[in-house]
Amino acid sequence: MTSVVGALMPVFVIILLGVWLRRFQVFDPLVWRGFENLCYFVLFPVLLVKTLATAELGAAQVLDFAAALLFAIGAMSLLLLLLYPLLRRLGVGPAAFSSLFQGATRWHGFIALSIVGLLYGDPGVTWMAIVMAVIIPPLNIINVAILAHFGSTDSRMRDVLGKLARNPFIIACVIGAILNLSHIGLPGPLYNVLDILGGGALGLGLLTVGAGLNIHLVLQNRLLVGFGALVRLLGMPGLMFLGCWLFGIEGTARTVAVIAGAVPTAASSFILARQMGGDASLMANLITVQVLLAVFTLPLMMWLAEL
């Protein structure tokens, strides 16, 4: 346990540095938006292409790993929908439920990819790339469908599919997989270019996470936010572990799956909630509280995954 905490300490220090840099306005707010776009559209996709294009994985193991991931997100989605009638009786409205659903099922890819890259290198990033390729499309479709049903504005499935087709992480995973399966790989000079670019993603991604925190929201909606944090930070990694156990996934692959379940919800959940009639204030609170609590829960989940 101590070794896991020690390994994660640089991650949280970099996030705190991002909080400090934003708090004292070292950079203009627009600069932070530029940093986030740079990570999202360039640096992380480059890292994914590089690692997937050069990965050596057995097809059967990848299929079992994908099945474990889909089991976890499917089980969490079903459990939350079954729980909604009870939550409704307790005063949780449709908009609040849609934000709670996002907070429990979606995940912060920047944090997950940065942690895995720092702790496990290219093999870990390869497994995380597979996680992204497998769960980003269904999670987006499921959450937009939930928001379309429970939120206050409508959204067309065609728009959802269009956004998925333009998602830079999905595009990067497809390109990397094609280069791998076709045995084209990456020529030496091109690999070096991608390696240099991708190396900048991890630290800058964590800085943007810290810069995006809203600490003043922590005390709002305490009970519902606390429940949402427990479901996300303990329930989802638990389901990931169960899925890996059911499909015989062990080692680094299992740890990466648990990390994907144990990181806070996606920062973009706030934007989606605001655009589609969810409870945006509750969503912002969930994001902030989950990042803060993950300092304590993430090391525990990783320690359990490695037993």
C-alpha atoms as a PDB file:
ATOM      1  CA  MET A   1       0.000   0.000   0.000  1.00  0.00           C
ATOM      2  CA  THR A   2       2.805   2.419   0.910  1.00  0.00           C
ATOM      3  CA  SER A   3       4.519   1.791  -2.419  1.00  0.00           C
ATOM      4  CA  VAL A   4       1.303   2.548  -4.320  1.00  0.00           C
ATOM      5  CA  VAL A   5       0.806   5.811  -2.438  1.00  0.00           C
ATOM      6  CA  GLY A   6       4.428   6.749  -3.072  1.00  0.00           C
ATOM      7  CA  ALA A   7       4.082   5.996  -6.769  1.00  0.00           C
ATOM      8  CA  LEU A   8       0.931   8.125  -7.037  1.00  0.00           C
ATOM      9  CA  MET A   9       2.316  11.055  -5.051  1.00  0.00           C
ATOM     10  CA  PRO A  10       3.897  12.762  -8.116  1.00  0.00           C
ATOM     11  CA  VAL A  11       0.499  12.602  -9.854  1.00  0.00           C
ATOM     12  CA  PHE A  12      -1.251  14.473  -7.048  1.00  0.00           C
ATOM     13  CA  VAL A  13       1.639  16.940  -6.664  1.00  0.00           C
ATOM     14  CA  ILE A  14       1.330  17.879 -10.351  1.00  0.00           C
ATOM     15  CA  ILE A  15      -2.449  18.298  -9.976  1.00  0.00           C
ATOM     16  CA  LEU A  16      -1.881  20.582  -6.958  1.00  0.00           C
ATOM     17  CA  LEU A  17       0.640  22.556  -8.995  1.00  0.00           C
ATOM     18  CA  GLY A  18      -2.079  23.097 -11.580  1.00  0.00           C
ATOM     19  CA  VAL A  19      -4.416  24.335  -8.808  1.00  0.00           C
ATOM     20  CA  TRP A  20      -1.735  26.766  -7.617  1.00  0.00           C
ATOM     21  CA  LEU A  21      -0.913  28.063 -11.104  1.00  0.00           C
ATOM     22  CA  ARG A  22      -4.612  28.737 -11.795  1.00  0.00           C
ATOM     23  CA  ARG A  23      -5.223  30.216  -8.334  1.00  0.00           C
ATOM     24  CA  PHE A  24      -2.458  32.798  -8.713  1.00  0.00           C
ATOM     25  CA  GLN A  25      -3.277  33.428 -12.382  1.00  0.00           C
ATOM     26  CA  VAL A  26       0.187  32.611 -13.667  1.00  0.00           C
ATOM     27  CA  PHE A  27      -1.487  32.017 -17.037  1.00  0.00           C
ATOM     28  CA  ASP A  28      -4.522  33.663 -18.569  1.00  0.00           C
ATOM     29  CA  PRO A  29      -7.664  31.437 -18.400  1.00  0.00           C
ATOM     30  CA  LEU A  30      -7.641  31.239 -22.199  1.00  0.00           C
ATOM     31  CA  VAL A  31      -4.148  29.743 -22.024  1.00  0.00           C
ATOM     32  CA  TRP A  32      -5.485  26.903 -19.894  1.00  0.00           C
ATOM     33  CA  ARG A  33      -8.169  26.237 -22.479  1.00  0.00           C
ATOM     34  CA  GLY A  34      -5.401  26.093 -25.081  1.00  0.00           C
ATOM     35  CA  PHE A  35      -3.418  23.628 -22.964  1.00  0.00           C
ATOM     36  CA  GLU A  36      -6.496  21.423 -22.582  1.00  0.00           C
ATOM     37  CA  ASN A  37      -7.178  21.478 -26.330  1.00  0.00           C
ATOM     38  CA  LEU A  38      -3.528  20.698 -27.059  1.00  0.00           C
ATOM     39  CA  CYS A  39      -3.685  17.610 -24.815  1.00  0.00           C
ATOM     40  CA  TYR A  40      -7.079  16.500 -26.112  1.00  0.00           C
ATOM     41  CA  PHE A  41      -6.539  16.981 -29.838  1.00  0.00           C
ATOM     42  CA  VAL A  42      -2.784  16.400 -30.230  1.00  0.00           C
ATOM     43  CA  LEU A  43      -0.649  15.069 -27.369  1.00  0.00           C
ATOM     44  CA  PHE A  44      -2.813  12.252 -25.982  1.00  0.00           C
ATOM     45  CA  PRO A  45      -3.918  11.011 -29.435  1.00  0.00           C
ATOM     46  CA  VAL A  46      -0.265  10.918 -30.516  1.00  0.00           C
ATOM     47  CA  LEU A  47       0.607   8.909 -27.404  1.00  0.00           C
ATOM     48  CA  LEU A  48      -2.207   6.452 -28.163  1.00  0.00           C
ATOM     49  CA  VAL A  49      -1.157   5.986 -31.792  1.00  0.00           C
ATOM     50  CA  LYS A  50       2.455   5.359 -30.777  1.00  0.00           C
ATOM     51  CA  THR A  51       1.667   2.761 -28.128  1.00  0.00           C
ATOM     52  CA  LEU A  52      -1.057   0.900 -30.012  1.00  0.00           C
ATOM     53  CA  ALA A  53       0.906   0.774 -33.274  1.00  0.00           C
ATOM     54  CA  THR A  54       3.834  -0.968 -31.571  1.00  0.00           C
ATOM     55  CA  ALA A  55       1.951  -3.127 -29.037  1.00  0.00           C
ATOM     56  CA  GLU A  56       2.233  -6.911 -28.954  1.00  0.00           C
ATOM     57  CA  LEU A  57      -0.991  -8.386 -27.609  1.00  0.00           C
ATOM     58  CA  GLY A  58      -2.849 -11.645 -28.136  1.00  0.00           C
ATOM     59  CA  ALA A  59      -6.250 -11.260 -29.810  1.00  0.00           C
ATOM     60  CA  ALA A  60      -7.976 -13.651 -27.401  1.00  0.00           C
ATOM     61  CA  GLN A  61      -6.719 -11.752 -24.366  1.00  0.00           C
ATOM     62  CA  VAL A  62      -7.888  -8.444 -25.829  1.00  0.00           C
ATOM     63  CA  LEU A  63     -11.371  -9.859 -26.408  1.00  0.00           C
ATOM     64  CA  ASP A  64     -11.591 -11.131 -22.822  1.00  0.00           C
ATOM     65  CA  PHE A  65     -10.349  -7.767 -21.566  1.00  0.00           C
ATOM     66  CA  ALA A  66     -12.969  -5.934 -23.637  1.00  0.00           C
ATOM     67  CA  ALA A  67     -15.681  -8.236 -22.296  1.00  0.00           C
ATOM     68  CA  ALA A  68     -14.633  -7.456 -18.715  1.00  0.00           C
ATOM     69  CA  LEU A  69     -14.808  -3.702 -19.389  1.00  0.00           C
ATOM     70  CA  LEU A  70     -18.221  -3.887 -21.044  1.00  0.00           C
ATOM     71  CA  PHE A  71     -19.530  -6.020 -18.182  1.00  0.00           C
ATOM     72  CA  ALA A  72     -18.517  -3.336 -15.666  1.00  0.00           C
ATOM     73  CA  ILE A  73     -20.064  -0.354 -17.436  1.00  0.00           C
ATOM     74  CA  GLY A  74     -23.178  -2.332 -18.333  1.00  0.00           C
ATOM     75  CA  ALA A  75     -23.655  -3.496 -14.742  1.00  0.00           C
ATOM     76  CA  MET A  76     -23.209   0.021 -13.340  1.00  0.00           C
ATOM     77  CA  SER A  77     -25.665   1.494 -15.852  1.00  0.00           C
ATOM     78  CA  LEU A  78     -28.267  -1.150 -15.048  1.00  0.00           C
ATOM     79  CA  LEU A  79     -27.850  -0.782 -11.282  1.00  0.00           C
ATOM     80  CA  LEU A  80     -28.317   2.985 -11.451  1.00  0.00           C
ATOM     81  CA  LEU A  81     -31.443   2.684 -13.589  1.00  0.00           C
ATOM     82  CA  LEU A  82     -32.891   0.132 -11.153  1.00  0.00           C
ATOM     83  CA  LEU A  83     -32.077   2.494  -8.298  1.00  0.00           C
ATOM     84  CA  TYR A  84     -33.757   5.525  -9.889  1.00  0.00           C
ATOM     85  CA  PRO A  85     -37.304   4.893  -8.525  1.00  0.00           C
ATOM     86  CA  LEU A  86     -35.907   4.896  -4.972  1.00  0.00           C
ATOM     87  CA  LEU A  87     -33.820   8.006  -5.633  1.00  0.00           C
ATOM     88  CA  ARG A  88     -36.893   9.687  -7.087  1.00  0.00           C
ATOM     89  CA  ARG A  89     -38.798   9.063  -3.860  1.00  0.00           C
ATOM     90  CA  LEU A  90     -35.911  10.619  -1.946  1.00  0.00           C
ATOM     91  CA  GLY A  91     -36.239  13.831  -3.953  1.00  0.00           C
ATOM     92  CA  VAL A  92     -33.676  13.285  -6.723  1.00  0.00           C
ATOM     93  CA  GLY A  93     -35.155  14.823  -9.871  1.00  0.00           C
ATOM     94  CA  PRO A  94     -34.573  13.646 -13.460  1.00  0.00           C
ATOM     95  CA  ALA A  95     -31.938  16.297 -14.214  1.00  0.00           C
ATOM     96  CA  ALA A  96     -30.025  15.505 -11.019  1.00  0.00           C
ATOM     97  CA  PHE A  97     -30.203  11.778 -11.800  1.00  0.00           C
ATOM     98  CA  SER A  98     -28.722  12.337 -15.259  1.00  0.00           C
ATOM     99  CA  SER A  99     -25.751  14.133 -13.659  1.00  0.00           C
ATOM    100  CA  LEU A 100     -25.424  11.403 -11.037  1.00  0.00           C
ATOM    101  CA  PHE A 101     -25.429   8.828 -13.853  1.00  0.00           C
ATOM    102  CA  GLN A 102     -22.674  10.686 -15.703  1.00  0.00           C
ATOM    103  CA  GLY A 103     -20.683  11.030 -12.505  1.00  0.00           C
ATOM    104  CA  ALA A 104     -20.807   7.280 -11.907  1.00  0.00           C
ATOM    105  CA  THR A 105     -20.207   5.916 -15.401  1.00  0.00           C
ATOM    106  CA  ARG A 106     -17.984   8.389 -17.282  1.00  0.00           C
ATOM    107  CA  TRP A 107     -14.289   8.646 -16.482  1.00  0.00           C
ATOM    108  CA  HIS A 108     -11.450  11.169 -16.629  1.00  0.00           C
ATOM    109  CA  GLY A 109      -9.213   9.895 -19.406  1.00  0.00           C
ATOM    110  CA  PHE A 110      -6.506  12.534 -18.770  1.00  0.00           C
ATOM    111  CA  ILE A 111      -5.969  11.331 -15.212  1.00  0.00           C
ATOM    112  CA  ALA A 112      -6.161   7.626 -16.070  1.00  0.00           C
ATOM    113  CA  LEU A 113      -3.779   7.851 -19.006  1.00  0.00           C
ATOM    114  CA  SER A 114      -1.324  10.038 -17.102  1.00  0.00           C
ATOM    115  CA  ILE A 115      -1.228   7.711 -14.087  1.00  0.00           C
ATOM    116  CA  VAL A 116      -0.772   4.585 -16.195  1.00  0.00           C
ATOM    117  CA  GLY A 117       1.860   6.242 -18.371  1.00  0.00           C
ATOM    118  CA  LEU A 118       3.874   7.386 -15.375  1.00  0.00           C
ATOM    119  CA  LEU A 119       3.619   4.110 -13.438  1.00  0.00           C
ATOM    120  CA  TYR A 120       3.567   1.387 -16.108  1.00  0.00           C
ATOM    121  CA  GLY A 121       5.093   2.930 -19.236  1.00  0.00           C
ATOM    122  CA  ASP A 122       4.149   1.811 -22.740  1.00  0.00           C
ATOM    123  CA  PRO A 123       2.663  -1.589 -21.740  1.00  0.00           C
ATOM    124  CA  GLY A 124       0.261   0.154 -19.390  1.00  0.00           C
ATOM    125  CA  VAL A 125      -0.598   2.839 -21.950  1.00  0.00           C
ATOM    126  CA  THR A 126      -1.347   0.087 -24.461  1.00  0.00           C
ATOM    127  CA  TRP A 127      -3.927  -1.458 -22.158  1.00  0.00           C
ATOM    128  CA  MET A 128      -5.361   1.976 -21.402  1.00  0.00           C
ATOM    129  CA  ALA A 129      -5.661   2.651 -25.131  1.00  0.00           C
ATOM    130  CA  ILE A 130      -7.712  -0.522 -25.440  1.00  0.00           C
ATOM    131  CA  VAL A 131      -9.878   0.638 -22.531  1.00  0.00           C
ATOM    132  CA  MET A 132     -10.546   3.896 -24.368  1.00  0.00           C
ATOM    133  CA  ALA A 133     -11.311   2.185 -27.664  1.00  0.00           C
ATOM    134  CA  VAL A 134     -13.741  -0.214 -25.983  1.00  0.00           C
ATOM    135  CA  ILE A 135     -15.678   1.961 -23.538  1.00  0.00           C
ATOM    136  CA  ILE A 136     -15.643   5.531 -24.906  1.00  0.00           C
ATOM    137  CA  PRO A 137     -18.223   4.860 -27.682  1.00  0.00           C
ATOM    138  CA  PRO A 138     -20.802   2.970 -25.562  1.00  0.00           C
ATOM    139  CA  LEU A 139     -20.392   5.308 -22.579  1.00  0.00           C
ATOM    140  CA  ASN A 140     -21.018   8.357 -24.746  1.00  0.00           C
ATOM    141  CA  ILE A 141     -24.051   6.808 -26.393  1.00  0.00           C
ATOM    142  CA  ILE A 142     -25.494   5.611 -23.069  1.00  0.00           C
ATOM    143  CA  ASN A 143     -24.992   8.943 -21.316  1.00  0.00           C
ATOM    144  CA  VAL A 144     -26.401  11.029 -24.137  1.00  0.00           C
ATOM    145  CA  ALA A 145     -29.415   8.712 -24.261  1.00  0.00           C
ATOM    146  CA  ILE A 146     -29.881   9.158 -20.489  1.00  0.00           C
ATOM    147  CA  LEU A 147     -29.607  12.942 -20.820  1.00  0.00           C
ATOM    148  CA  ALA A 148     -31.997  12.964 -23.762  1.00  0.00           C
ATOM    149  CA  HIS A 149     -34.540  11.085 -21.642  1.00  0.00           C
ATOM    150  CA  PHE A 150     -34.031  12.696 -18.226  1.00  0.00           C
ATOM    151  CA  GLY A 151     -32.662  16.130 -19.209  1.00  0.00           C
ATOM    152  CA  SER A 152     -34.671  19.179 -20.241  1.00  0.00           C
ATOM    153  CA  THR A 153     -33.455  19.442 -23.856  1.00  0.00           C
ATOM    154  CA  ASP A 154     -33.540  17.064 -26.800  1.00  0.00           C
ATOM    155  CA  SER A 155     -30.605  15.563 -28.658  1.00  0.00           C
ATOM    156  CA  ARG A 156     -30.534  13.520 -31.854  1.00  0.00           C
ATOM    157  CA  MET A 157     -28.659  10.237 -32.005  1.00  0.00           C
ATOM    158  CA  ARG A 158     -27.164  11.360 -35.331  1.00  0.00           C
ATOM    159  CA  ASP A 159     -25.394  14.183 -33.492  1.00  0.00           C
ATOM    160  CA  VAL A 160     -24.057  11.718 -30.921  1.00  0.00           C
ATOM    161  CA  LEU A 161     -22.674   9.391 -33.583  1.00  0.00           C
ATOM    162  CA  GLY A 162     -21.120  12.353 -35.379  1.00  0.00           C
ATOM    163  CA  LYS A 163     -19.305  13.445 -32.232  1.00  0.00           C
ATOM    164  CA  LEU A 164     -18.044   9.903 -31.670  1.00  0.00           C
ATOM    165  CA  ALA A 165     -16.719   9.746 -35.237  1.00  0.00           C
ATOM    166  CA  ARG A 166     -14.783  12.971 -34.603  1.00  0.00           C
ATOM    167  CA  ASN A 167     -13.494  12.011 -31.153  1.00  0.00           C
ATOM    168  CA  PRO A 168      -9.675  12.332 -31.362  1.00  0.00           C
ATOM    169  CA  PHE A 169      -9.121   9.476 -28.883  1.00  0.00           C
ATOM    170  CA  ILE A 170     -11.262   7.121 -30.958  1.00  0.00           C
ATOM    171  CA  ILE A 171      -9.558   8.222 -34.198  1.00  0.00           C
ATOM    172  CA  ALA A 172      -6.139   7.693 -32.602  1.00  0.00           C
ATOM    173  CA  CYS A 173      -7.087   4.213 -31.379  1.00  0.00           C
ATOM    174  CA  VAL A 174      -8.341   3.244 -34.844  1.00  0.00           C
ATOM    175  CA  ILE A 175      -5.156   4.511 -36.527  1.00  0.00           C
ATOM    176  CA  GLY A 176      -2.935   2.743 -33.996  1.00  0.00           C
ATOM    177  CA  ALA A 177      -4.876  -0.501 -34.337  1.00  0.00           C
ATOM    178  CA  ILE A 178      -4.679  -0.379 -38.157  1.00  0.00           C
ATOM    179  CA  LEU A 179      -0.915   0.218 -38.061  1.00  0.00           C
ATOM    180  CA  ASN A 180      -0.558  -2.692 -35.642  1.00  0.00           C
ATOM    181  CA  LEU A 181      -2.825  -5.227 -37.348  1.00  0.00           C
ATOM    182  CA  SER A 182      -1.427  -4.418 -40.795  1.00  0.00           C
ATOM    183  CA  HIS A 183       2.104  -4.913 -39.425  1.00  0.00           C
ATOM    184  CA  ILE A 184       3.085  -1.519 -40.839  1.00  0.00           C
ATOM    185  CA  GLY A 185       4.077  -0.236 -37.405  1.00  0.00           C
ATOM    186  CA  LEU A 186       5.999   3.014 -37.075  1.00  0.00           C
ATOM    187  CA  PRO A 187       9.270   3.759 -38.898  1.00  0.00           C
ATOM    188  CA  GLY A 188      12.090   4.835 -36.574  1.00  0.00           C
ATOM    189  CA  PRO A 189      12.064   8.602 -37.300  1.00  0.00           C
ATOM    190  CA  LEU A 190       8.271   8.806 -37.097  1.00  0.00           C
ATOM    191  CA  TYR A 191       8.291   6.818 -33.859  1.00  0.00           C
ATOM    192  CA  ASN A 192      10.773   9.291 -32.379  1.00  0.00           C
ATOM    193  CA  VAL A 193       8.578  12.248 -33.370  1.00  0.00           C
ATOM    194  CA  LEU A 194       5.498  10.677 -31.783  1.00  0.00           C
ATOM    195  CA  ASP A 195       7.493   9.663 -28.721  1.00  0.00           C
ATOM    196  CA  ILE A 196       8.661  13.239 -28.103  1.00  0.00           C
ATOM    197  CA  LEU A 197       5.186  14.699 -28.633  1.00  0.00           C
ATOM    198  CA  GLY A 198       3.398  12.051 -26.578  1.00  0.00           C
ATOM    199  CA  GLY A 199       5.829  12.479 -23.710  1.00  0.00           C
ATOM    200  CA  GLY A 200       4.474  15.984 -23.111  1.00  0.00           C
ATOM    201  CA  ALA A 201       0.921  14.751 -22.634  1.00  0.00           C
ATOM    202  CA  LEU A 202       1.218  13.262 -19.160  1.00  0.00           C
ATOM    203  CA  GLY A 203       2.438  16.242 -17.157  1.00  0.00           C
ATOM    204  CA  LEU A 204       0.467  18.877 -19.042  1.00  0.00           C
ATOM    205  CA  GLY A 205      -2.704  16.796 -18.815  1.00  0.00           C
ATOM    206  CA  LEU A 206      -2.443  16.610 -15.025  1.00  0.00           C
ATOM    207  CA  LEU A 207      -1.766  20.355 -14.767  1.00  0.00           C
ATOM    208  CA  THR A 208      -4.986  21.076 -16.670  1.00  0.00           C
ATOM    209  CA  VAL A 209      -6.898  18.778 -14.302  1.00  0.00           C
ATOM    210  CA  GLY A 210      -5.717  20.812 -11.319  1.00  0.00           C
ATOM    211  CA  ALA A 211      -6.446  24.107 -13.064  1.00  0.00           C
ATOM    212  CA  GLY A 212     -10.023  22.999 -13.713  1.00  0.00           C
ATOM    213  CA  LEU A 213     -10.954  22.264 -10.089  1.00  0.00           C
ATOM    214  CA  ASN A 214     -13.556  24.451  -8.363  1.00  0.00           C
ATOM    215  CA  ILE A 215     -12.799  24.004  -4.670  1.00  0.00           C
ATOM    216  CA  HIS A 216     -15.575  26.375  -3.549  1.00  0.00           C
ATOM    217  CA  LEU A 217     -18.221  23.903  -4.765  1.00  0.00           C
ATOM    218  CA  VAL A 218     -17.217  21.153  -2.337  1.00  0.00           C
ATOM    219  CA  LEU A 219     -19.900  21.775   0.299  1.00  0.00           C
ATOM    220  CA  GLN A 220     -22.873  22.002  -2.083  1.00  0.00           C
ATOM    221  CA  ASN A 221     -25.314  19.045  -2.320  1.00  0.00           C
ATOM    222  CA  ARG A 222     -23.217  17.123   0.184  1.00  0.00           C
ATOM    223  CA  LEU A 223     -25.334  13.981   0.588  1.00  0.00           C
ATOM    224  CA  LEU A 224     -25.993  13.397  -3.109  1.00  0.00           C
ATOM    225  CA  VAL A 225     -22.419  14.266  -4.036  1.00  0.00           C
ATOM    226  CA  GLY A 226     -21.084  11.932  -1.352  1.00  0.00           C
ATOM    227  CA  PHE A 227     -23.256   9.110  -2.654  1.00  0.00           C
ATOM    228  CA  GLY A 228     -22.139   9.792  -6.234  1.00  0.00           C
ATOM    229  CA  ALA A 229     -18.496   9.810  -5.194  1.00  0.00           C
ATOM    230  CA  LEU A 230     -18.792   6.453  -3.434  1.00  0.00           C
ATOM    231  CA  VAL A 231     -20.539   4.878  -6.417  1.00  0.00           C
ATOM    232  CA  ARG A 232     -17.872   6.145  -8.804  1.00  0.00           C
ATOM    233  CA  LEU A 233     -14.690   5.788  -6.769  1.00  0.00           C
ATOM    234  CA  LEU A 234     -15.502   2.492  -5.014  1.00  0.00           C
ATOM    235  CA  GLY A 235     -18.373   0.890  -6.923  1.00  0.00           C
ATOM    236  CA  MET A 236     -17.023   1.200 -10.458  1.00  0.00           C
ATOM    237  CA  PRO A 237     -13.513  -0.110  -9.718  1.00  0.00           C
ATOM    238  CA  GLY A 238     -15.184  -2.934  -7.799  1.00  0.00           C
ATOM    239  CA  LEU A 239     -17.184  -3.868 -10.881  1.00  0.00           C
ATOM    240  CA  MET A 240     -14.043  -3.628 -13.026  1.00  0.00           C
ATOM    241  CA  PHE A 241     -12.285  -6.027 -10.674  1.00  0.00           C
ATOM    242  CA  LEU A 242     -15.285  -8.378 -10.760  1.00  0.00           C
ATOM    243  CA  GLY A 243     -15.352  -8.273 -14.571  1.00  0.00           C
ATOM    244  CA  CYS A 244     -11.643  -9.091 -14.733  1.00  0.00           C
ATOM    245  CA  TRP A 245     -12.142 -11.981 -12.307  1.00  0.00           C
ATOM    246  CA  LEU A 246     -15.024 -13.366 -14.377  1.00  0.00           C
ATOM    247  CA  PHE A 247     -13.029 -13.240 -17.623  1.00  0.00           C
ATOM    248  CA  GLY A 248      -9.663 -14.310 -16.224  1.00  0.00           C
ATOM    249  CA  ILE A 249      -7.821 -10.997 -16.590  1.00  0.00           C
ATOM    250  CA  GLU A 250      -4.840 -10.537 -14.267  1.00  0.00           C
ATOM    251  CA  GLY A 251      -1.630  -8.536 -13.894  1.00  0.00           C
ATOM    252  CA  THR A 252      -1.138  -5.106 -15.441  1.00  0.00           C
ATOM    253  CA  ALA A 253      -4.296  -5.402 -17.546  1.00  0.00           C
ATOM    254  CA  ARG A 254      -6.449  -5.862 -14.426  1.00  0.00           C
ATOM    255  CA  THR A 255      -4.753  -2.957 -12.630  1.00  0.00           C
ATOM    256  CA  VAL A 256      -5.300  -0.684 -15.634  1.00  0.00           C
ATOM    257  CA  ALA A 257      -8.993  -1.646 -15.769  1.00  0.00           C
ATOM    258  CA  VAL A 258      -9.390  -0.878 -12.075  1.00  0.00           C
ATOM    259  CA  ILE A 259      -7.622   2.472 -12.505  1.00  0.00           C
ATOM    260  CA  ALA A 260     -10.028   3.332 -15.335  1.00  0.00           C
ATOM    261  CA  GLY A 261     -12.882   2.620 -12.940  1.00  0.00           C
ATOM    262  CA  ALA A 262     -11.331   4.383  -9.959  1.00  0.00           C
ATOM    263  CA  VAL A 263     -10.457   7.757 -11.505  1.00  0.00           C
ATOM    264  CA  PRO A 264     -12.933  10.651 -11.165  1.00  0.00           C
ATOM    265  CA  THR A 265     -15.636  11.313 -13.713  1.00  0.00           C
ATOM    266  CA  ALA A 266     -14.904  13.144 -16.965  1.00  0.00           C
ATOM    267  CA  ALA A 267     -14.407  16.903 -16.809  1.00  0.00           C
ATOM    268  CA  SER A 268     -16.416  17.206 -20.028  1.00  0.00           C
ATOM    269  CA  SER A 269     -19.466  15.888 -18.148  1.00  0.00           C
ATOM    270  CA  PHE A 270     -20.157  19.445 -16.989  1.00  0.00           C
ATOM    271  CA  ILE A 271     -20.368  20.726 -20.565  1.00  0.00           C
ATOM    272  CA  LEU A 272     -22.634  17.865 -21.617  1.00  0.00           C
ATOM    273  CA  ALA A 273     -24.918  18.438 -18.611  1.00  0.00           C
ATOM    274  CA  ARG A 274     -25.177  22.139 -19.394  1.00  0.00           C
ATOM    275  CA  GLN A 275     -25.891  21.553 -23.082  1.00  0.00           C
ATOM    276  CA  MET A 276     -28.492  18.816 -22.609  1.00  0.00           C
ATOM    277  CA  GLY A 277     -30.483  19.994 -19.604  1.00  0.00           C
ATOM    278  CA  GLY A 278     -28.772  18.055 -16.826  1.00  0.00           C
ATOM    279  CA  ASP A 279     -27.985  19.499 -13.403  1.00  0.00           C
ATOM    280  CA  ALA A 280     -24.775  21.364 -14.320  1.00  0.00           C
ATOM    281  CA  SER A 281     -24.164  22.705 -10.802  1.00  0.00           C
ATOM    282  CA  LEU A 282     -24.395  19.215  -9.310  1.00  0.00           C
ATOM    283  CA  MET A 283     -22.144  17.921 -12.087  1.00  0.00           C
ATOM    284  CA  ALA A 284     -19.432  20.482 -11.341  1.00  0.00           C
ATOM    285  CA  ASN A 285     -19.626  19.573  -7.659  1.00  0.00           C
ATOM    286  CA  LEU A 286     -19.344  15.853  -8.417  1.00  0.00           C
ATOM    287  CA  ILE A 287     -16.252  16.405 -10.567  1.00  0.00           C
ATOM    288  CA  THR A 288     -14.449  18.469  -7.924  1.00  0.00           C
ATOM    289  CA  VAL A 289     -15.271  16.237  -4.957  1.00  0.00           C
ATOM    290  CA  GLN A 290     -14.340  13.074  -6.834  1.00  0.00           C
ATOM    291  CA  VAL A 291     -10.924  14.453  -7.771  1.00  0.00           C
ATOM    292  CA  LEU A 292     -10.278  15.404  -4.135  1.00  0.00           C
ATOM    293  CA  LEU A 293     -11.453  12.066  -2.710  1.00  0.00           C
ATOM    294  CA  ALA A 294      -9.538  10.075  -5.333  1.00  0.00           C
ATOM    295  CA  VAL A 295      -6.366  11.093  -3.508  1.00  0.00           C
ATOM    296  CA  PHE A 296      -7.428   8.558  -0.853  1.00  0.00           C
ATOM    297  CA  THR A 297      -9.510   5.998  -2.772  1.00  0.00           C
ATOM    298  CA  LEU A 298      -7.316   5.519  -5.852  1.00  0.00           C
ATOM    299  CA  PRO A 299      -4.279   4.165  -3.979  1.00  0.00           C
ATOM    300  CA  LEU A 300      -6.561   1.755  -2.093  1.00  0.00           C
ATOM    301  CA  MET A 301      -8.187   0.470  -5.298  1.00  0.00           C
ATOM    302  CA  MET A 302      -4.805   0.015  -6.995  1.00  0.00           C
ATOM    303  CA  TRP A 303      -3.421  -1.825  -3.980  1.00  0.00           C
ATOM    304  CA  LEU A 304      -6.406  -4.208  -3.998  1.00  0.00           C
ATOM    305  CA  ALA A 305      -6.076  -4.740  -7.774  1.00  0.00           C
ATOM    306  CA  GLU A 306      -2.444  -5.792  -7.411  1.00  0.00           C
ATOM    307  CA  LEU A 307      -3.018  -8.323  -4.619  1.00  0.00           C
END
